[in-house]
Amino acid sequence: MAGANHDLRKALMVRPGTKVRLDRIDPAATHGFDRARAETVTQADLDRLDPLQERLWAEGKHKLLIVLQGIDTAGKGGTISHVMGAFNPQGCKIHGFKVPTAEELAHDYLWRAHPHVPAAGEVAIFDRSHYEQVLVVRVMGLEPKATWERHYDEINAFERLLVDTGTTVLKFFLHIDRDEQRQRLQARLDDPNKRWKFKMGDLETRAKWDDYIAAYEAALTRCSTPEAPWFIVPANHKWFRNMAVASIVADTLQDLKPRYPEPIEPIPPGLQVE
């Protein structure tokens, strides 16, 4: 059973050359799905991921990079838990991009991303990514505008290199509104088991909401390319977020048509293991 299929993938994709205005995209949209139907579709797609990944790994030909971006509390970790958890960890690696280390700062900003892209047969997931260089760096004024302005073309060139060498790149922006973020931050404060997730810096970031939205709009506009398009996923409803990401990932893997390889050595007909 296929999930939401290509119609949803087409609806959420940022067409190259489109100027993105996030205030015109409803973060609570469900595209005609209710929760019950979405959860059924999600499970069907999660069931597809395991055999598709096994064939990807066995074939050792294709590579899949999944980039998750979104403002604080948008649901990157939840997406990894509820969707990417369907992958066998043997062929899947996850890398979170935190504040750069001294060693990373001593290199160009893409240096810390490149070692974590997938090898042949692998799935790699970025929790945040190289896009921080045109998000937090831009908003916090960590580089002059003339410097971070160059990064959009550099990022496009980097992703083109990955695609040209056999990597399929899926980039998801998890879109929530300001009130939904407020509720999620408050929920962290109110729940003793989730309070560890809360940082005072979250409030400083929230105070710059408009600046971050402008930065995301620029990245989505300038870096959605035919080779590596962005998908804007309405994420106020976690169940819709999970369905949309699972569906697009499963459909993308299916389109790669991974196949089990032939045995390396000829196997005599009727061979029995004793």
C-alpha atoms as a PDB file:
ATOM      1  CA  MET A   1       0.000   0.000   0.000  1.00  0.00           C
ATOM      2  CA  ALA A   2       1.532   3.277  -1.062  1.00  0.00           C
ATOM      3  CA  GLY A   3       1.054   6.262   1.177  1.00  0.00           C
ATOM      4  CA  ALA A   4       0.151   9.817   0.247  1.00  0.00           C
ATOM      5  CA  ASN A   5       2.077   9.203  -2.977  1.00  0.00           C
ATOM      6  CA  HIS A   6       3.443  11.656  -5.467  1.00  0.00           C
ATOM      7  CA  ASP A   7       0.572  14.146  -5.212  1.00  0.00           C
ATOM      8  CA  LEU A   8       1.667  15.162  -1.719  1.00  0.00           C
ATOM      9  CA  ARG A   9       5.298  15.251  -2.762  1.00  0.00           C
ATOM     10  CA  LYS A  10       4.380  17.629  -5.569  1.00  0.00           C
ATOM     11  CA  ALA A  11       2.188  19.777  -3.309  1.00  0.00           C
ATOM     12  CA  LEU A  12       4.888  20.301  -0.672  1.00  0.00           C
ATOM     13  CA  MET A  13       7.863  20.774  -2.984  1.00  0.00           C
ATOM     14  CA  VAL A  14       9.285  24.281  -3.440  1.00  0.00           C
ATOM     15  CA  ARG A  15       9.504  24.658  -7.187  1.00  0.00           C
ATOM     16  CA  PRO A  16      12.888  26.075  -8.218  1.00  0.00           C
ATOM     17  CA  GLY A  17      12.620  29.795  -8.861  1.00  0.00           C
ATOM     18  CA  THR A  18       9.640  30.219  -6.523  1.00  0.00           C
ATOM     19  CA  LYS A  19       9.847  33.037  -3.984  1.00  0.00           C
ATOM     20  CA  VAL A  20       8.803  31.525  -0.671  1.00  0.00           C
ATOM     21  CA  ARG A  21       6.486  33.424   1.670  1.00  0.00           C
ATOM     22  CA  LEU A  22       5.947  31.326   4.770  1.00  0.00           C
ATOM     23  CA  ASP A  23       3.077  33.516   5.957  1.00  0.00           C
ATOM     24  CA  ARG A  24       1.122  32.270   2.932  1.00  0.00           C
ATOM     25  CA  ILE A  25       1.645  28.592   3.795  1.00  0.00           C
ATOM     26  CA  ASP A  26      -0.610  27.237   6.533  1.00  0.00           C
ATOM     27  CA  PRO A  27       1.485  25.303   9.098  1.00  0.00           C
ATOM     28  CA  ALA A  28      -1.713  23.578  10.271  1.00  0.00           C
ATOM     29  CA  ALA A  29      -2.657  22.347   6.778  1.00  0.00           C
ATOM     30  CA  THR A  30      -3.470  18.661   6.441  1.00  0.00           C
ATOM     31  CA  HIS A  31      -4.168  18.455   2.684  1.00  0.00           C
ATOM     32  CA  GLY A  32      -7.452  16.612   3.183  1.00  0.00           C
ATOM     33  CA  PHE A  33      -6.155  14.024   5.666  1.00  0.00           C
ATOM     34  CA  ASP A  34      -7.589  13.440   9.111  1.00  0.00           C
ATOM     35  CA  ARG A  35      -5.552  11.905  11.906  1.00  0.00           C
ATOM     36  CA  ALA A  36      -6.931   8.382  11.606  1.00  0.00           C
ATOM     37  CA  ARG A  37      -6.309   8.145   7.872  1.00  0.00           C
ATOM     38  CA  ALA A  38      -2.888   9.784   8.192  1.00  0.00           C
ATOM     39  CA  GLU A  39      -1.771   7.307  10.828  1.00  0.00           C
ATOM     40  CA  THR A  40      -2.860   4.404   8.629  1.00  0.00           C
ATOM     41  CA  VAL A  41      -0.939   5.833   5.681  1.00  0.00           C
ATOM     42  CA  THR A  42       2.106   6.522   7.847  1.00  0.00           C
ATOM     43  CA  GLN A  43       2.254   2.936   9.072  1.00  0.00           C
ATOM     44  CA  ALA A  44       1.991   1.641   5.521  1.00  0.00           C
ATOM     45  CA  ASP A  45       4.908   3.821   4.493  1.00  0.00           C
ATOM     46  CA  LEU A  46       6.998   2.860   7.502  1.00  0.00           C
ATOM     47  CA  ASP A  47       6.410  -0.767   6.548  1.00  0.00           C
ATOM     48  CA  ARG A  48       7.781   0.042   3.083  1.00  0.00           C
ATOM     49  CA  LEU A  49      10.959   1.688   4.405  1.00  0.00           C
ATOM     50  CA  ASP A  50      12.590  -1.400   5.891  1.00  0.00           C
ATOM     51  CA  PRO A  51      12.609  -3.605   2.739  1.00  0.00           C
ATOM     52  CA  LEU A  52      13.468  -0.629   0.539  1.00  0.00           C
ATOM     53  CA  GLN A  53      16.430   0.252   2.740  1.00  0.00           C
ATOM     54  CA  GLU A  54      17.579  -3.370   2.804  1.00  0.00           C
ATOM     55  CA  ARG A  55      17.699  -3.432  -1.003  1.00  0.00           C
ATOM     56  CA  LEU A  56      19.461  -0.047  -1.038  1.00  0.00           C
ATOM     57  CA  TRP A  57      22.089  -1.396   1.358  1.00  0.00           C
ATOM     58  CA  ALA A  58      22.495  -4.712  -0.472  1.00  0.00           C
ATOM     59  CA  GLU A  59      22.845  -3.081  -3.884  1.00  0.00           C
ATOM     60  CA  GLY A  60      25.427  -0.577  -2.624  1.00  0.00           C
ATOM     61  CA  LYS A  61      24.747   1.818  -5.475  1.00  0.00           C
ATOM     62  CA  HIS A  62      22.491   4.678  -4.365  1.00  0.00           C
ATOM     63  CA  LYS A  63      22.911   7.087  -1.447  1.00  0.00           C
ATOM     64  CA  LEU A  64      20.187   9.049   0.345  1.00  0.00           C
ATOM     65  CA  LEU A  65      20.722  12.244   2.346  1.00  0.00           C
ATOM     66  CA  ILE A  66      17.795  13.566   4.393  1.00  0.00           C
ATOM     67  CA  VAL A  67      18.090  17.112   5.753  1.00  0.00           C
ATOM     68  CA  LEU A  68      15.757  18.240   8.542  1.00  0.00           C
ATOM     69  CA  GLN A  69      15.499  21.940   9.320  1.00  0.00           C
ATOM     70  CA  GLY A  70      13.048  23.984  11.322  1.00  0.00           C
ATOM     71  CA  ILE A  71      12.846  26.579  14.025  1.00  0.00           C
ATOM     72  CA  ASP A  72      13.201  25.362  17.635  1.00  0.00           C
ATOM     73  CA  THR A  73      10.499  22.792  18.608  1.00  0.00           C
ATOM     74  CA  ALA A  74       9.505  22.260  14.942  1.00  0.00           C
ATOM     75  CA  GLY A  75       9.902  18.514  15.429  1.00  0.00           C
ATOM     76  CA  LYS A  76      13.236  17.434  13.970  1.00  0.00           C
ATOM     77  CA  GLY A  77      13.882  14.993  16.800  1.00  0.00           C
ATOM     78  CA  GLY A  78      10.320  13.710  16.731  1.00  0.00           C
ATOM     79  CA  THR A  79      10.548  13.086  12.999  1.00  0.00           C
ATOM     80  CA  ILE A  80      13.754  11.117  13.469  1.00  0.00           C
ATOM     81  CA  SER A  81      12.149   9.066  16.233  1.00  0.00           C
ATOM     82  CA  HIS A  82       8.808   8.360  14.562  1.00  0.00           C
ATOM     83  CA  VAL A  83       9.860   8.098  10.907  1.00  0.00           C
ATOM     84  CA  MET A  84      13.581   7.411  10.630  1.00  0.00           C
ATOM     85  CA  GLY A  85      13.316   4.837  13.393  1.00  0.00           C
ATOM     86  CA  ALA A  86      12.005   2.486  10.721  1.00  0.00           C
ATOM     87  CA  PHE A  87      15.498   2.279   9.217  1.00  0.00           C
ATOM     88  CA  ASN A  88      17.987  -0.410  10.171  1.00  0.00           C
ATOM     89  CA  PRO A  89      20.763   1.490  11.995  1.00  0.00           C
ATOM     90  CA  GLN A  90      23.389  -0.666  10.283  1.00  0.00           C
ATOM     91  CA  GLY A  91      22.849   1.313   7.082  1.00  0.00           C
ATOM     92  CA  CYS A  92      21.675   4.610   8.545  1.00  0.00           C
ATOM     93  CA  LYS A  93      23.593   7.327  10.341  1.00  0.00           C
ATOM     94  CA  ILE A  94      22.323  10.482  12.034  1.00  0.00           C
ATOM     95  CA  HIS A  95      24.370  13.600  12.616  1.00  0.00           C
ATOM     96  CA  GLY A  96      23.266  16.607  14.638  1.00  0.00           C
ATOM     97  CA  PHE A  97      24.813  19.984  13.872  1.00  0.00           C
ATOM     98  CA  LYS A  98      25.515  21.867  17.074  1.00  0.00           C
ATOM     99  CA  VAL A  99      27.690  24.921  17.773  1.00  0.00           C
ATOM    100  CA  PRO A 100      30.854  24.429  15.684  1.00  0.00           C
ATOM    101  CA  THR A 101      33.910  23.137  17.498  1.00  0.00           C
ATOM    102  CA  ALA A 102      37.275  24.911  17.390  1.00  0.00           C
ATOM    103  CA  GLU A 103      38.486  22.367  14.842  1.00  0.00           C
ATOM    104  CA  GLU A 104      35.437  22.926  12.644  1.00  0.00           C
ATOM    105  CA  LEU A 105      35.833  26.696  12.832  1.00  0.00           C
ATOM    106  CA  ALA A 106      39.421  26.296  11.622  1.00  0.00           C
ATOM    107  CA  HIS A 107      38.101  24.918   8.310  1.00  0.00           C
ATOM    108  CA  ASP A 108      35.580  26.112   5.756  1.00  0.00           C
ATOM    109  CA  TYR A 109      31.997  25.647   6.964  1.00  0.00           C
ATOM    110  CA  LEU A 110      31.242  22.748   4.606  1.00  0.00           C
ATOM    111  CA  TRP A 111      34.151  20.752   6.008  1.00  0.00           C
ATOM    112  CA  ARG A 112      32.072  19.587   8.954  1.00  0.00           C
ATOM    113  CA  ALA A 113      29.226  18.417   6.732  1.00  0.00           C
ATOM    114  CA  HIS A 114      31.085  16.432   4.106  1.00  0.00           C
ATOM    115  CA  PRO A 115      32.337  13.565   6.345  1.00  0.00           C
ATOM    116  CA  HIS A 116      28.756  12.771   7.326  1.00  0.00           C
ATOM    117  CA  VAL A 117      27.148  12.465   3.900  1.00  0.00           C
ATOM    118  CA  PRO A 118      26.100   8.904   2.996  1.00  0.00           C
ATOM    119  CA  ALA A 119      28.344   6.342   1.389  1.00  0.00           C
ATOM    120  CA  ALA A 120      27.014   3.984  -1.274  1.00  0.00           C
ATOM    121  CA  GLY A 121      24.061   2.040   0.107  1.00  0.00           C
ATOM    122  CA  GLU A 122      23.627   4.311   3.120  1.00  0.00           C
ATOM    123  CA  VAL A 123      20.967   6.676   4.393  1.00  0.00           C
ATOM    124  CA  ALA A 124      22.262   9.746   6.251  1.00  0.00           C
ATOM    125  CA  ILE A 125      20.087  12.121   8.259  1.00  0.00           C
ATOM    126  CA  PHE A 126      21.105  15.663   9.191  1.00  0.00           C
ATOM    127  CA  ASP A 127      19.445  17.189  12.261  1.00  0.00           C
ATOM    128  CA  ARG A 128      20.114  20.776  11.252  1.00  0.00           C
ATOM    129  CA  SER A 129      22.822  20.998   8.616  1.00  0.00           C
ATOM    130  CA  HIS A 130      25.177  23.104   6.531  1.00  0.00           C
ATOM    131  CA  TYR A 131      22.232  25.531   6.215  1.00  0.00           C
ATOM    132  CA  GLU A 132      23.048  26.907   9.668  1.00  0.00           C
ATOM    133  CA  GLN A 133      25.561  29.075   7.832  1.00  0.00           C
ATOM    134  CA  VAL A 134      22.707  31.054   6.238  1.00  0.00           C
ATOM    135  CA  LEU A 135      20.396  30.799   9.248  1.00  0.00           C
ATOM    136  CA  VAL A 136      21.945  31.339  12.684  1.00  0.00           C
ATOM    137  CA  VAL A 137      25.055  32.922  11.183  1.00  0.00           C
ATOM    138  CA  ARG A 138      22.900  35.404   9.301  1.00  0.00           C
ATOM    139  CA  VAL A 139      20.476  36.146  12.136  1.00  0.00           C
ATOM    140  CA  MET A 140      23.139  36.498  14.827  1.00  0.00           C
ATOM    141  CA  GLY A 141      25.426  38.596  12.623  1.00  0.00           C
ATOM    142  CA  LEU A 142      28.338  36.174  12.926  1.00  0.00           C
ATOM    143  CA  GLU A 143      29.559  37.049   9.445  1.00  0.00           C
ATOM    144  CA  PRO A 144      29.245  40.159   7.277  1.00  0.00           C
ATOM    145  CA  LYS A 145      26.340  40.098   4.845  1.00  0.00           C
ATOM    146  CA  ALA A 146      28.730  40.003   1.878  1.00  0.00           C
ATOM    147  CA  THR A 147      30.143  36.742   3.250  1.00  0.00           C
ATOM    148  CA  TRP A 148      26.968  34.843   4.083  1.00  0.00           C
ATOM    149  CA  GLU A 149      25.372  35.994   0.826  1.00  0.00           C
ATOM    150  CA  ARG A 150      27.973  33.883  -1.020  1.00  0.00           C
ATOM    151  CA  HIS A 151      26.975  30.774   0.885  1.00  0.00           C
ATOM    152  CA  TYR A 152      23.725  30.173  -1.030  1.00  0.00           C
ATOM    153  CA  ASP A 153      25.609  29.501  -4.273  1.00  0.00           C
ATOM    154  CA  GLU A 154      28.262  27.503  -2.394  1.00  0.00           C
ATOM    155  CA  ILE A 155      25.604  25.304  -0.812  1.00  0.00           C
ATOM    156  CA  ASN A 156      23.937  24.741  -4.174  1.00  0.00           C
ATOM    157  CA  ALA A 157      27.295  23.735  -5.656  1.00  0.00           C
ATOM    158  CA  PHE A 158      27.984  21.378  -2.732  1.00  0.00           C
ATOM    159  CA  GLU A 159      24.619  19.668  -3.132  1.00  0.00           C
ATOM    160  CA  ARG A 160      25.093  19.453  -6.894  1.00  0.00           C
ATOM    161  CA  LEU A 161      28.380  17.659  -6.269  1.00  0.00           C
ATOM    162  CA  LEU A 162      26.600  15.161  -4.019  1.00  0.00           C
ATOM    163  CA  VAL A 163      23.885  14.557  -6.610  1.00  0.00           C
ATOM    164  CA  ASP A 164      26.411  14.230  -9.432  1.00  0.00           C
ATOM    165  CA  THR A 165      28.167  11.501  -7.452  1.00  0.00           C
ATOM    166  CA  GLY A 166      25.053   9.448  -6.825  1.00  0.00           C
ATOM    167  CA  THR A 167      23.388  10.989  -3.779  1.00  0.00           C
ATOM    168  CA  THR A 168      19.664  11.710  -3.675  1.00  0.00           C
ATOM    169  CA  VAL A 169      19.070  14.763  -1.466  1.00  0.00           C
ATOM    170  CA  LEU A 170      15.762  15.299   0.359  1.00  0.00           C
ATOM    171  CA  LYS A 171      15.425  18.536   2.352  1.00  0.00           C
ATOM    172  CA  PHE A 172      12.504  19.058   4.715  1.00  0.00           C
ATOM    173  CA  PHE A 173      11.597  22.353   6.375  1.00  0.00           C
ATOM    174  CA  LEU A 174       9.231  21.602   9.257  1.00  0.00           C
ATOM    175  CA  HIS A 175       6.879  24.572   9.339  1.00  0.00           C
ATOM    176  CA  ILE A 176       5.175  25.594  12.600  1.00  0.00           C
ATOM    177  CA  ASP A 177       3.713  28.929  13.657  1.00  0.00           C
ATOM    178  CA  ARG A 178       4.718  31.127  16.578  1.00  0.00           C
ATOM    179  CA  ASP A 179       1.807  30.123  18.775  1.00  0.00           C
ATOM    180  CA  GLU A 180       2.517  26.434  18.270  1.00  0.00           C
ATOM    181  CA  GLN A 181       6.112  27.031  19.301  1.00  0.00           C
ATOM    182  CA  ARG A 182       4.934  28.857  22.427  1.00  0.00           C
ATOM    183  CA  GLN A 183       2.749  25.898  23.378  1.00  0.00           C
ATOM    184  CA  ARG A 184       5.544  23.402  22.809  1.00  0.00           C
ATOM    185  CA  LEU A 185       8.064  25.405  24.826  1.00  0.00           C
ATOM    186  CA  GLN A 186       5.565  25.762  27.649  1.00  0.00           C
ATOM    187  CA  ALA A 187       4.858  22.036  27.530  1.00  0.00           C
ATOM    188  CA  ARG A 188       8.556  21.381  28.042  1.00  0.00           C
ATOM    189  CA  LEU A 189       8.592  23.636  31.066  1.00  0.00           C
ATOM    190  CA  ASP A 190       5.481  22.054  32.546  1.00  0.00           C
ATOM    191  CA  ASP A 191       6.579  18.436  32.118  1.00  0.00           C
ATOM    192  CA  PRO A 192       9.380  17.358  34.507  1.00  0.00           C
ATOM    193  CA  ASN A 193      10.351  14.616  32.060  1.00  0.00           C
ATOM    194  CA  LYS A 194      10.819  17.110  29.223  1.00  0.00           C
ATOM    195  CA  ARG A 195      12.222  20.056  31.140  1.00  0.00           C
ATOM    196  CA  TRP A 196      15.759  18.957  30.308  1.00  0.00           C
ATOM    197  CA  LYS A 197      15.083  19.936  26.685  1.00  0.00           C
ATOM    198  CA  PHE A 198      14.416  23.565  27.606  1.00  0.00           C
ATOM    199  CA  LYS A 199      17.225  26.106  27.395  1.00  0.00           C
ATOM    200  CA  MET A 200      17.069  29.798  28.214  1.00  0.00           C
ATOM    201  CA  GLY A 201      18.589  30.372  24.797  1.00  0.00           C
ATOM    202  CA  ASP A 202      15.312  29.105  23.314  1.00  0.00           C
ATOM    203  CA  LEU A 203      13.690  32.338  24.465  1.00  0.00           C
ATOM    204  CA  GLU A 204      16.444  34.429  22.891  1.00  0.00           C
ATOM    205  CA  THR A 205      15.927  32.586  19.614  1.00  0.00           C
ATOM    206  CA  ARG A 206      12.156  33.021  19.891  1.00  0.00           C
ATOM    207  CA  ALA A 207      12.615  36.773  20.305  1.00  0.00           C
ATOM    208  CA  LYS A 208      14.211  36.778  16.831  1.00  0.00           C
ATOM    209  CA  TRP A 209      11.342  34.851  15.237  1.00  0.00           C
ATOM    210  CA  ASP A 210      10.821  37.280  12.360  1.00  0.00           C
ATOM    211  CA  ASP A 211      14.540  37.348  11.568  1.00  0.00           C
ATOM    212  CA  TYR A 212      14.700  33.550  11.455  1.00  0.00           C
ATOM    213  CA  ILE A 213      11.612  33.317   9.261  1.00  0.00           C
ATOM    214  CA  ALA A 214      13.208  35.770   6.823  1.00  0.00           C
ATOM    215  CA  ALA A 215      16.395  33.704   6.829  1.00  0.00           C
ATOM    216  CA  TYR A 216      14.477  30.486   6.181  1.00  0.00           C
ATOM    217  CA  GLU A 217      12.503  32.109   3.367  1.00  0.00           C
ATOM    218  CA  ALA A 218      15.748  33.144   1.685  1.00  0.00           C
ATOM    219  CA  ALA A 219      17.262  29.666   2.021  1.00  0.00           C
ATOM    220  CA  LEU A 220      14.114  27.960   0.739  1.00  0.00           C
ATOM    221  CA  THR A 221      13.880  30.391  -2.173  1.00  0.00           C
ATOM    222  CA  ARG A 222      17.519  30.360  -3.222  1.00  0.00           C
ATOM    223  CA  CYS A 223      18.437  26.737  -2.510  1.00  0.00           C
ATOM    224  CA  SER A 224      15.496  24.736  -3.840  1.00  0.00           C
ATOM    225  CA  THR A 225      17.031  23.382  -7.022  1.00  0.00           C
ATOM    226  CA  PRO A 226      16.015  20.725  -9.550  1.00  0.00           C
ATOM    227  CA  GLU A 227      18.800  18.537  -8.141  1.00  0.00           C
ATOM    228  CA  ALA A 228      17.966  19.069  -4.463  1.00  0.00           C
ATOM    229  CA  PRO A 229      14.533  20.606  -3.876  1.00  0.00           C
ATOM    230  CA  TRP A 230      13.123  21.719  -0.537  1.00  0.00           C
ATOM    231  CA  PHE A 231       9.849  20.425   0.861  1.00  0.00           C
ATOM    232  CA  ILE A 232       7.855  22.643   3.224  1.00  0.00           C
ATOM    233  CA  VAL A 233       6.014  20.320   5.592  1.00  0.00           C
ATOM    234  CA  PRO A 234       3.164  21.794   7.660  1.00  0.00           C
ATOM    235  CA  ALA A 235       4.157  20.600  11.133  1.00  0.00           C
ATOM    236  CA  ASN A 236       1.668  22.026  13.620  1.00  0.00           C
ATOM    237  CA  HIS A 237       0.064  18.575  13.539  1.00  0.00           C
ATOM    238  CA  LYS A 238       2.733  16.020  14.345  1.00  0.00           C
ATOM    239  CA  TRP A 239       0.714  13.226  12.786  1.00  0.00           C
ATOM    240  CA  PHE A 240       0.603  15.050   9.440  1.00  0.00           C
ATOM    241  CA  ARG A 241       4.315  15.868   9.653  1.00  0.00           C
ATOM    242  CA  ASN A 242       5.157  12.206  10.185  1.00  0.00           C
ATOM    243  CA  MET A 243       2.913  11.085   7.344  1.00  0.00           C
ATOM    244  CA  ALA A 244       4.289  13.623   4.874  1.00  0.00           C
ATOM    245  CA  VAL A 245       7.935  12.854   5.581  1.00  0.00           C
ATOM    246  CA  ALA A 246       7.428   9.081   5.641  1.00  0.00           C
ATOM    247  CA  SER A 247       5.514   9.189   2.367  1.00  0.00           C
ATOM    248  CA  ILE A 248       8.055  11.322   0.531  1.00  0.00           C
ATOM    249  CA  VAL A 249      11.014   9.280   1.786  1.00  0.00           C
ATOM    250  CA  ALA A 250       9.356   5.967   0.927  1.00  0.00           C
ATOM    251  CA  ASP A 251       8.282   7.143  -2.528  1.00  0.00           C
ATOM    252  CA  THR A 252      11.758   8.509  -3.225  1.00  0.00           C
ATOM    253  CA  LEU A 253      13.416   5.238  -2.251  1.00  0.00           C
ATOM    254  CA  GLN A 254      10.918   3.292  -4.347  1.00  0.00           C
ATOM    255  CA  ASP A 255      11.672   5.503  -7.353  1.00  0.00           C
ATOM    256  CA  LEU A 256      15.361   4.560  -7.037  1.00  0.00           C
ATOM    257  CA  LYS A 257      14.310   0.944  -7.722  1.00  0.00           C
ATOM    258  CA  PRO A 258      16.996  -0.635  -5.537  1.00  0.00           C
ATOM    259  CA  ARG A 259      17.546  -4.306  -6.308  1.00  0.00           C
ATOM    260  CA  TYR A 260      19.249  -7.187  -4.583  1.00  0.00           C
ATOM    261  CA  PRO A 261      22.541  -7.903  -6.377  1.00  0.00           C
ATOM    262  CA  GLU A 262      23.492 -11.209  -7.898  1.00  0.00           C
ATOM    263  CA  PRO A 263      25.772 -13.414  -5.789  1.00  0.00           C
ATOM    264  CA  ILE A 264      29.469 -12.572  -6.112  1.00  0.00           C
ATOM    265  CA  GLU A 265      30.321 -16.214  -6.874  1.00  0.00           C
ATOM    266  CA  PRO A 266      28.289 -18.623  -9.015  1.00  0.00           C
ATOM    267  CA  ILE A 267      26.145 -20.916  -6.876  1.00  0.00           C
ATOM    268  CA  PRO A 268      25.808 -24.487  -8.187  1.00  0.00           C
ATOM    269  CA  PRO A 269      22.178 -25.488  -8.787  1.00  0.00           C
ATOM    270  CA  GLY A 270      20.669 -27.400  -5.911  1.00  0.00           C
ATOM    271  CA  LEU A 271      23.532 -26.677  -3.499  1.00  0.00           C
ATOM    272  CA  GLN A 272      22.734 -27.943  -0.003  1.00  0.00           C
ATOM    273  CA  VAL A 273      24.424 -26.737   3.175  1.00  0.00           C
ATOM    274  CA  GLU A 274      25.338 -29.623   5.478  1.00  0.00           C
END
